């Protein structure tokens, strides 16, 4: 019977040992998976940092693009104002051409009157009537 008792104690001790080692093995496995999960979280966090930095760069390029659009708009405004001034100068030039034409008509009439003055031109070259 002693052999049986020893055997039961051995089985029980082995059971306790296996239970503890199984528990340690599970804990080690969990610890290993936690470490792997933590490493994957670290990698994910690093990729988020890189993504954030690229978003910052993209935002800065959008700001620069917006500023260039503002400058382009301002240059269009200036161009429009210069077109208005050019149009006004064309109107003034047209009016001065009309005035110049009227003064040429008046000058021509004066020349006709001067040319018709007595004794200035021979009779066969003088105009008889203007209309």
N, C-alpha and C. Protein backbone atom coordinates (compact mmCIF):
# COMPACT_ATOMS: atom_id res chain seq x y z
N UNK A 1 0.81 -1.17 0.00
CA UNK A 1 0.00 0.00 0.00
C UNK A 1 0.86 1.25 0.00
N UNK A 2 2.00 1.08 0.48
CA UNK A 2 2.90 2.20 0.48
C UNK A 2 3.22 2.66 -0.94
N UNK A 3 3.31 1.77 -1.78
CA UNK A 3 3.60 2.07 -3.18
C UNK A 3 2.44 2.84 -3.78
N UNK A 4 1.27 2.48 -3.44
CA UNK A 4 0.08 3.16 -3.95
C UNK A 4 0.01 4.56 -3.40
N UNK A 5 0.34 4.74 -2.13
CA UNK A 5 0.33 6.06 -1.52
C UNK A 5 1.37 6.95 -2.17
N UNK A 6 2.49 6.41 -2.38
CA UNK A 6 3.56 7.19 -3.02
C UNK A 6 3.14 7.54 -4.43
N UNK A 7 2.52 6.61 -5.02
CA UNK A 7 2.10 6.84 -6.39
C UNK A 7 1.03 7.93 -6.44
N UNK A 8 0.11 7.90 -5.49
CA UNK A 8 -0.92 8.95 -5.46
C UNK A 8 -0.30 10.31 -5.17
N UNK A 9 0.62 10.33 -4.26
CA UNK A 9 1.30 11.59 -3.97
C UNK A 9 2.08 12.07 -5.20
N UNK A 10 2.67 11.19 -5.88
CA UNK A 10 3.45 11.56 -7.07
C UNK A 10 2.52 12.10 -8.15
N UNK A 11 1.40 11.44 -8.32
CA UNK A 11 0.44 11.90 -9.32
C UNK A 11 -0.10 13.27 -8.93
N UNK A 12 -0.40 13.41 -7.63
CA UNK A 12 -0.91 14.70 -7.17
C UNK A 12 0.16 15.77 -7.32
N UNK A 13 1.37 15.48 -6.99
CA UNK A 13 2.47 16.43 -7.12
C UNK A 13 2.68 16.77 -8.59
N UNK A 14 2.60 15.78 -9.42
CA UNK A 14 2.75 16.00 -10.85
C UNK A 14 1.60 16.86 -11.37
N UNK A 15 0.42 16.58 -10.86
CA UNK A 15 -0.76 17.37 -11.25
C UNK A 15 -0.58 18.82 -10.83
N UNK A 16 -0.13 19.01 -9.59
CA UNK A 16 0.10 20.37 -9.11
C UNK A 16 1.20 21.04 -9.91
N UNK A 17 2.23 20.30 -10.25
CA UNK A 17 3.33 20.85 -11.04
C UNK A 17 2.82 21.22 -12.44
N UNK A 18 2.07 20.32 -13.02
CA UNK A 18 1.54 20.59 -14.37
C UNK A 18 0.58 21.77 -14.36
N UNK A 19 -0.21 21.85 -13.30
CA UNK A 19 -1.13 22.96 -13.19
C UNK A 19 -0.39 24.28 -13.06
N UNK A 20 0.64 24.30 -12.25
CA UNK A 20 1.43 25.52 -12.09
C UNK A 20 2.18 25.84 -13.38
N UNK A 21 2.76 24.83 -13.98
CA UNK A 21 3.50 25.09 -15.21
C UNK A 21 2.56 25.52 -16.33
N UNK A 22 1.36 24.93 -16.35
CA UNK A 22 0.37 25.34 -17.33
C UNK A 22 -0.05 26.79 -17.08
N UNK A 23 -0.24 27.12 -15.83
CA UNK A 23 -0.58 28.50 -15.48
C UNK A 23 0.54 29.45 -15.88
N UNK A 24 1.77 29.05 -15.59
CA UNK A 24 2.92 29.89 -15.98
C UNK A 24 3.03 29.98 -17.49
N UNK A 25 2.77 28.88 -18.16
CA UNK A 25 2.82 28.88 -19.60
C UNK A 25 1.75 29.80 -20.19
N UNK A 26 0.56 29.76 -19.61
CA UNK A 26 -0.51 30.65 -20.07
C UNK A 26 -0.14 32.10 -19.80
N UNK A 27 0.39 32.34 -18.60
CA UNK A 27 0.80 33.71 -18.26
C UNK A 27 1.90 34.19 -19.21
N UNK A 28 2.85 33.32 -19.48
CA UNK A 28 3.95 33.68 -20.39
C UNK A 28 3.41 33.93 -21.80
N UNK A 29 2.47 33.10 -22.20
CA UNK A 29 1.87 33.28 -23.52
C UNK A 29 1.10 34.60 -23.58
N UNK A 30 0.36 34.88 -22.51
CA UNK A 30 -0.37 36.15 -22.46
C UNK A 30 0.59 37.33 -22.46
N UNK A 31 1.65 37.21 -21.68
CA UNK A 31 2.66 38.27 -21.63
C UNK A 31 3.28 38.47 -23.00
N UNK A 32 3.58 37.37 -23.66
CA UNK A 32 4.15 37.46 -25.01
C UNK A 32 3.17 38.12 -25.97
N UNK A 33 1.89 37.76 -25.87
CA UNK A 33 0.91 38.38 -26.76
C UNK A 33 0.72 39.85 -26.40
N UNK A 34 0.77 40.19 -25.11
CA UNK A 34 0.69 41.60 -24.72
C UNK A 34 1.88 42.38 -25.28
N UNK A 35 3.04 41.78 -25.22
CA UNK A 35 4.24 42.45 -25.74
C UNK A 35 4.09 42.65 -27.25
N UNK A 36 3.64 41.60 -27.94
CA UNK A 36 3.45 41.71 -29.39
C UNK A 36 2.38 42.76 -29.70
N UNK A 37 1.31 42.76 -28.92
CA UNK A 37 0.25 43.75 -29.12
C UNK A 37 0.78 45.15 -28.84
N UNK A 38 1.59 45.27 -27.82
CA UNK A 38 2.19 46.57 -27.50
C UNK A 38 3.11 47.03 -28.62
N UNK A 39 3.89 46.10 -29.18
CA UNK A 39 4.76 46.47 -30.29
C UNK A 39 3.94 46.90 -31.51
N UNK A 40 2.84 46.20 -31.76
CA UNK A 40 2.00 46.59 -32.89
C UNK A 40 1.35 47.95 -32.62
N UNK A 41 1.01 48.21 -31.37
CA UNK A 41 0.49 49.54 -31.03
C UNK A 41 1.54 50.61 -31.23
N UNK A 42 2.77 50.31 -30.89
CA UNK A 42 3.87 51.26 -31.09
C UNK A 42 4.04 51.54 -32.58
N UNK A 43 4.03 50.47 -33.39
CA UNK A 43 4.15 50.65 -34.84
C UNK A 43 2.98 51.46 -35.38
N UNK A 44 1.79 51.17 -34.89
CA UNK A 44 0.61 51.91 -35.32
C UNK A 44 0.72 53.39 -34.92
N UNK A 45 1.19 53.63 -33.71
CA UNK A 45 1.38 55.00 -33.25
C UNK A 45 2.41 55.74 -34.10
N UNK A 46 3.49 55.05 -34.46
CA UNK A 46 4.50 55.68 -35.31
C UNK A 46 3.94 56.00 -36.69
N UNK A 47 3.15 55.08 -37.21
CA UNK A 47 2.54 55.36 -38.52
C UNK A 47 1.54 56.52 -38.41
N UNK A 48 0.86 56.64 -37.27
CA UNK A 48 -0.03 57.78 -37.07
C UNK A 48 0.75 59.08 -37.00
N UNK A 49 1.91 59.05 -36.39
CA UNK A 49 2.77 60.24 -36.33
C UNK A 49 3.18 60.66 -37.73
N UNK A 50 3.62 59.67 -38.54
CA UNK A 50 4.02 59.97 -39.91
C UNK A 50 2.83 60.52 -40.71
N UNK A 51 1.66 59.92 -40.51
CA UNK A 51 0.46 60.39 -41.20
C UNK A 51 0.12 61.82 -40.78
N UNK A 52 0.25 62.11 -39.50
CA UNK A 52 0.00 63.46 -39.00
C UNK A 52 0.97 64.47 -39.59
N UNK A 53 2.24 64.08 -39.70
CA UNK A 53 3.23 64.98 -40.29
C UNK A 53 2.92 65.23 -41.76
N UNK A 54 2.50 64.19 -42.47
CA UNK A 54 2.14 64.40 -43.88
C UNK A 54 0.89 65.26 -44.00
N UNK A 55 -0.04 65.14 -43.05
CA UNK A 55 -1.22 66.01 -43.07
C UNK A 55 -0.83 67.46 -42.81
N UNK A 56 0.13 67.67 -41.93
CA UNK A 56 0.62 69.03 -41.67
C UNK A 56 1.24 69.61 -42.93
N UNK A 57 2.07 68.81 -43.62
CA UNK A 57 2.68 69.28 -44.87
C UNK A 57 1.62 69.58 -45.92
N UNK A 58 0.61 68.73 -46.00
CA UNK A 58 -0.47 68.95 -46.97
C UNK A 58 -1.23 70.24 -46.62
N UNK A 59 -1.48 70.46 -45.35
CA UNK A 59 -2.15 71.67 -44.92
C UNK A 59 -1.33 72.92 -45.26
N UNK A 60 -0.01 72.83 -45.06
CA UNK A 60 0.84 73.97 -45.39
C UNK A 60 0.83 74.24 -46.89
N UNK A 61 0.82 73.16 -47.69
CA UNK A 61 0.77 73.38 -49.14
C UNK A 61 -0.57 73.98 -49.54
N UNK A 62 -1.65 73.61 -48.85
CA UNK A 62 -2.95 74.22 -49.13
C UNK A 62 -2.95 75.70 -48.75
N UNK A 63 -2.29 76.03 -47.66
CA UNK A 63 -2.18 77.43 -47.25
C UNK A 63 -1.41 78.22 -48.31
N UNK A 64 -0.30 77.66 -48.79
CA UNK A 64 0.48 78.33 -49.83
C UNK A 64 -0.34 78.48 -51.11
N UNK A 65 -1.11 77.44 -51.45
CA UNK A 65 -1.95 77.51 -52.64
C UNK A 65 -3.01 78.59 -52.47
N UNK A 66 -3.59 78.68 -51.29
CA UNK A 66 -4.59 79.72 -51.02
C UNK A 66 -3.99 81.11 -51.12
N UNK A 67 -2.77 81.26 -50.61
CA UNK A 67 -2.12 82.56 -50.69
C UNK A 67 -1.82 82.94 -52.14
N UNK A 68 -1.41 81.94 -52.94
CA UNK A 68 -1.16 82.24 -54.34
C UNK A 68 -2.46 82.59 -55.06
N UNK A 69 -3.57 81.96 -54.67
CA UNK A 69 -4.86 82.32 -55.26
C UNK A 69 -5.25 83.74 -54.89
N UNK A 70 -4.96 84.13 -53.65
CA UNK A 70 -5.25 85.50 -53.21
C UNK A 70 -4.43 86.49 -54.03
N UNK A 71 -3.14 86.19 -54.20
CA UNK A 71 -2.29 87.08 -54.99
C UNK A 71 -2.77 87.15 -56.43
N UNK A 72 -3.20 86.02 -56.99
CA UNK A 72 -3.72 86.00 -58.36
C UNK A 72 -4.99 86.86 -58.45
N UNK A 73 -5.85 86.73 -57.46
CA UNK A 73 -7.07 87.53 -57.44
C UNK A 73 -6.77 89.02 -57.35
N UNK A 74 -5.78 89.37 -56.52
CA UNK A 74 -5.41 90.78 -56.41
C UNK A 74 -4.84 91.30 -57.73
N UNK A 75 -4.05 90.47 -58.41
CA UNK A 75 -3.51 90.91 -59.70
C UNK A 75 -4.63 91.06 -60.73
N UNK A 76 -5.65 90.19 -60.65
CA UNK A 76 -6.80 90.35 -61.56
C UNK A 76 -7.56 91.64 -61.27
N UNK A 77 -7.68 91.99 -60.00
CA UNK A 77 -8.34 93.25 -59.63
C UNK A 77 -7.55 94.44 -60.20
N UNK A 78 -6.23 94.40 -60.05
CA UNK A 78 -5.40 95.47 -60.58
C UNK A 78 -5.51 95.54 -62.10
N UNK A 79 -5.55 94.37 -62.74
CA UNK A 79 -5.69 94.33 -64.19
C UNK A 79 -7.02 94.93 -64.62
N UNK A 80 -8.07 94.60 -63.89
CA UNK A 80 -9.38 95.16 -64.19
C UNK A 80 -9.40 96.67 -64.03
N UNK A 81 -8.75 97.17 -62.99
CA UNK A 81 -8.69 98.62 -62.79
C UNK A 81 -7.91 99.29 -63.92
N UNK A 82 -6.83 98.64 -64.36
CA UNK A 82 -6.07 99.23 -65.47
C UNK A 82 -6.88 99.20 -66.76
N UNK A 83 -7.72 98.16 -66.94
CA UNK A 83 -8.59 98.12 -68.12
C UNK A 83 -9.62 99.26 -68.07
N UNK A 84 -10.14 99.54 -66.89
CA UNK A 84 -11.08 100.66 -66.75
C UNK A 84 -10.39 101.98 -67.11
N UNK A 85 -9.18 102.18 -66.60
CA UNK A 85 -8.43 103.40 -66.91
C UNK A 85 -8.13 103.48 -68.40
N UNK A 86 -7.79 102.34 -69.01
CA UNK A 86 -7.50 102.33 -70.44
C UNK A 86 -8.76 102.66 -71.23
N UNK A 87 -9.88 102.11 -70.82
CA UNK A 87 -11.15 102.42 -71.49
C UNK A 87 -11.49 103.90 -71.38
N UNK A 88 -11.26 104.47 -70.20
CA UNK A 88 -11.53 105.90 -70.03
C UNK A 88 -10.61 106.74 -70.93
N UNK A 89 -9.35 106.32 -71.04
CA UNK A 89 -8.43 107.07 -71.91
C UNK A 89 -8.83 106.92 -73.37
N UNK A 90 -9.38 105.75 -73.76
CA UNK A 90 -9.87 105.59 -75.13
C UNK A 90 -11.06 106.50 -75.40
N UNK A 91 -11.94 106.62 -74.41
CA UNK A 91 -13.08 107.54 -74.55
C UNK A 91 -12.59 108.97 -74.72
N UNK A 92 -11.63 109.36 -73.90
CA UNK A 92 -11.07 110.71 -74.00
C UNK A 92 -10.39 110.91 -75.35
N UNK A 93 -9.69 109.87 -75.82
CA UNK A 93 -9.01 109.96 -77.12
C UNK A 93 -10.05 110.10 -78.23
N UNK A 94 -11.15 109.35 -78.14
CA UNK A 94 -12.21 109.48 -79.14
C UNK A 94 -12.81 110.87 -79.15
N UNK A 95 -13.02 111.43 -77.96
CA UNK A 95 -13.57 112.78 -77.88
C UNK A 95 -12.60 113.80 -78.47
N UNK A 96 -11.31 113.59 -78.19
CA UNK A 96 -10.33 114.53 -78.74
C UNK A 96 -10.24 114.38 -80.26
N UNK A 97 -10.45 113.15 -80.79
CA UNK A 97 -10.48 112.98 -82.24
C UNK A 97 -11.68 113.70 -82.85
N UNK A 98 -12.82 113.63 -82.18
CA UNK A 98 -14.02 114.35 -82.65
C UNK A 98 -13.75 115.85 -82.66
N UNK A 99 -13.17 116.35 -81.58
CA UNK A 99 -12.85 117.79 -81.50
C UNK A 99 -11.83 118.17 -82.58
N UNK A 100 -10.85 117.29 -82.80
CA UNK A 100 -9.86 117.57 -83.84
C UNK A 100 -10.52 117.59 -85.22
N UNK A 101 -11.42 116.64 -85.48
CA UNK A 101 -12.15 116.64 -86.75
C UNK A 101 -12.97 117.89 -86.94
N UNK A 102 -13.64 118.34 -85.88
CA UNK A 102 -14.43 119.57 -85.97
C UNK A 102 -13.53 120.77 -86.23
N UNK A 103 -12.37 120.76 -85.59
CA UNK A 103 -11.44 121.89 -85.82
C UNK A 103 -10.89 121.83 -87.24
N UNK A 104 -10.74 120.63 -87.81
CA UNK A 104 -10.30 120.54 -89.21
C UNK A 104 -11.37 121.09 -90.16
N UNK A 105 -12.64 120.81 -89.82
CA UNK A 105 -13.73 121.35 -90.64
C UNK A 105 -13.71 122.88 -90.59
N UNK A 106 -13.55 123.40 -89.39
CA UNK A 106 -13.49 124.86 -89.23
C UNK A 106 -12.28 125.43 -89.96
N UNK A 107 -11.15 124.72 -89.88
CA UNK A 107 -9.94 125.17 -90.57
C UNK A 107 -10.14 125.13 -92.08
N UNK A 108 -10.80 124.07 -92.56
CA UNK A 108 -11.09 123.98 -94.01
C UNK A 108 -11.99 125.11 -94.46
N UNK A 109 -13.01 125.41 -93.66
CA UNK A 109 -13.89 126.53 -94.02
C UNK A 109 -13.12 127.84 -94.04
N UNK A 110 -12.22 128.00 -93.09
CA UNK A 110 -11.40 129.23 -93.06
C UNK A 110 -10.51 129.30 -94.29
N UNK A 111 -9.97 128.17 -94.71
CA UNK A 111 -9.12 128.15 -95.91
C UNK A 111 -9.93 128.50 -97.16
N UNK A 112 -11.18 127.96 -97.21
CA UNK A 112 -12.04 128.28 -98.35
C UNK A 112 -12.33 129.77 -98.37
N UNK A 113 -12.67 130.33 -97.24
CA UNK A 113 -12.96 131.77 -97.17
C UNK A 113 -11.73 132.58 -97.54
N UNK A 114 -10.56 132.12 -97.07
CA UNK A 114 -9.33 132.84 -97.41
C UNK A 114 -9.05 132.73 -98.91
N UNK A 115 -9.29 131.52 -99.43
CA UNK A 115 -9.04 131.32 -100.86
C UNK A 115 -10.02 132.07 -101.73
N UNK A 116 -11.20 132.38 -101.24
CA UNK A 116 -12.20 133.10 -102.02
C UNK A 116 -12.10 134.61 -101.83
N UNK A 117 -11.19 135.03 -101.02
CA UNK A 117 -11.05 136.47 -100.84
C UNK A 117 -10.62 137.10 -102.18
N UNK A 118 -11.08 138.33 -102.45
CA UNK A 118 -10.82 138.95 -103.76
C UNK A 118 -9.33 139.15 -104.03
N UNK A 119 -8.94 138.74 -105.18
CA UNK A 119 -7.58 138.93 -105.64
C UNK A 119 -6.60 137.86 -105.20
N UNK A 120 -7.02 136.93 -104.39
CA UNK A 120 -6.07 135.92 -103.93
C UNK A 120 -5.91 134.82 -104.97
N UNK A 121 -7.02 134.36 -105.54
CA UNK A 121 -6.95 133.29 -106.54
C UNK A 121 -7.56 133.80 -107.84
N UNK A 122 -7.12 133.26 -108.95
CA UNK A 122 -7.76 133.63 -110.21
C UNK A 122 -9.20 133.16 -110.23
N UNK A 123 -10.02 133.79 -110.99
CA UNK A 123 -11.46 133.51 -111.00
C UNK A 123 -11.79 132.10 -111.43
N UNK A 124 -11.08 131.54 -112.34
CA UNK A 124 -11.40 130.19 -112.81
C UNK A 124 -11.09 129.10 -111.76
N UNK A 125 -10.31 129.38 -110.71
CA UNK A 125 -9.99 128.39 -109.66
C UNK A 125 -10.89 128.54 -108.43
N UNK A 126 -11.62 129.62 -108.33
CA UNK A 126 -12.43 129.84 -107.13
C UNK A 126 -13.67 128.95 -107.16
N UNK A 127 -14.08 128.53 -105.96
CA UNK A 127 -15.28 127.71 -105.79
C UNK A 127 -16.48 128.64 -105.84
N UNK A 128 -17.52 128.23 -106.52
CA UNK A 128 -18.68 129.07 -106.63
C UNK A 128 -19.61 128.91 -105.41
N UNK A 129 -19.74 127.66 -104.93
CA UNK A 129 -20.61 127.47 -103.77
C UNK A 129 -20.13 126.27 -102.97
N UNK A 130 -20.42 126.27 -101.68
CA UNK A 130 -19.95 125.19 -100.80
C UNK A 130 -20.95 124.05 -100.74
N UNK A 131 -22.18 124.32 -100.99
CA UNK A 131 -23.16 123.26 -100.85
C UNK A 131 -23.47 122.59 -102.13
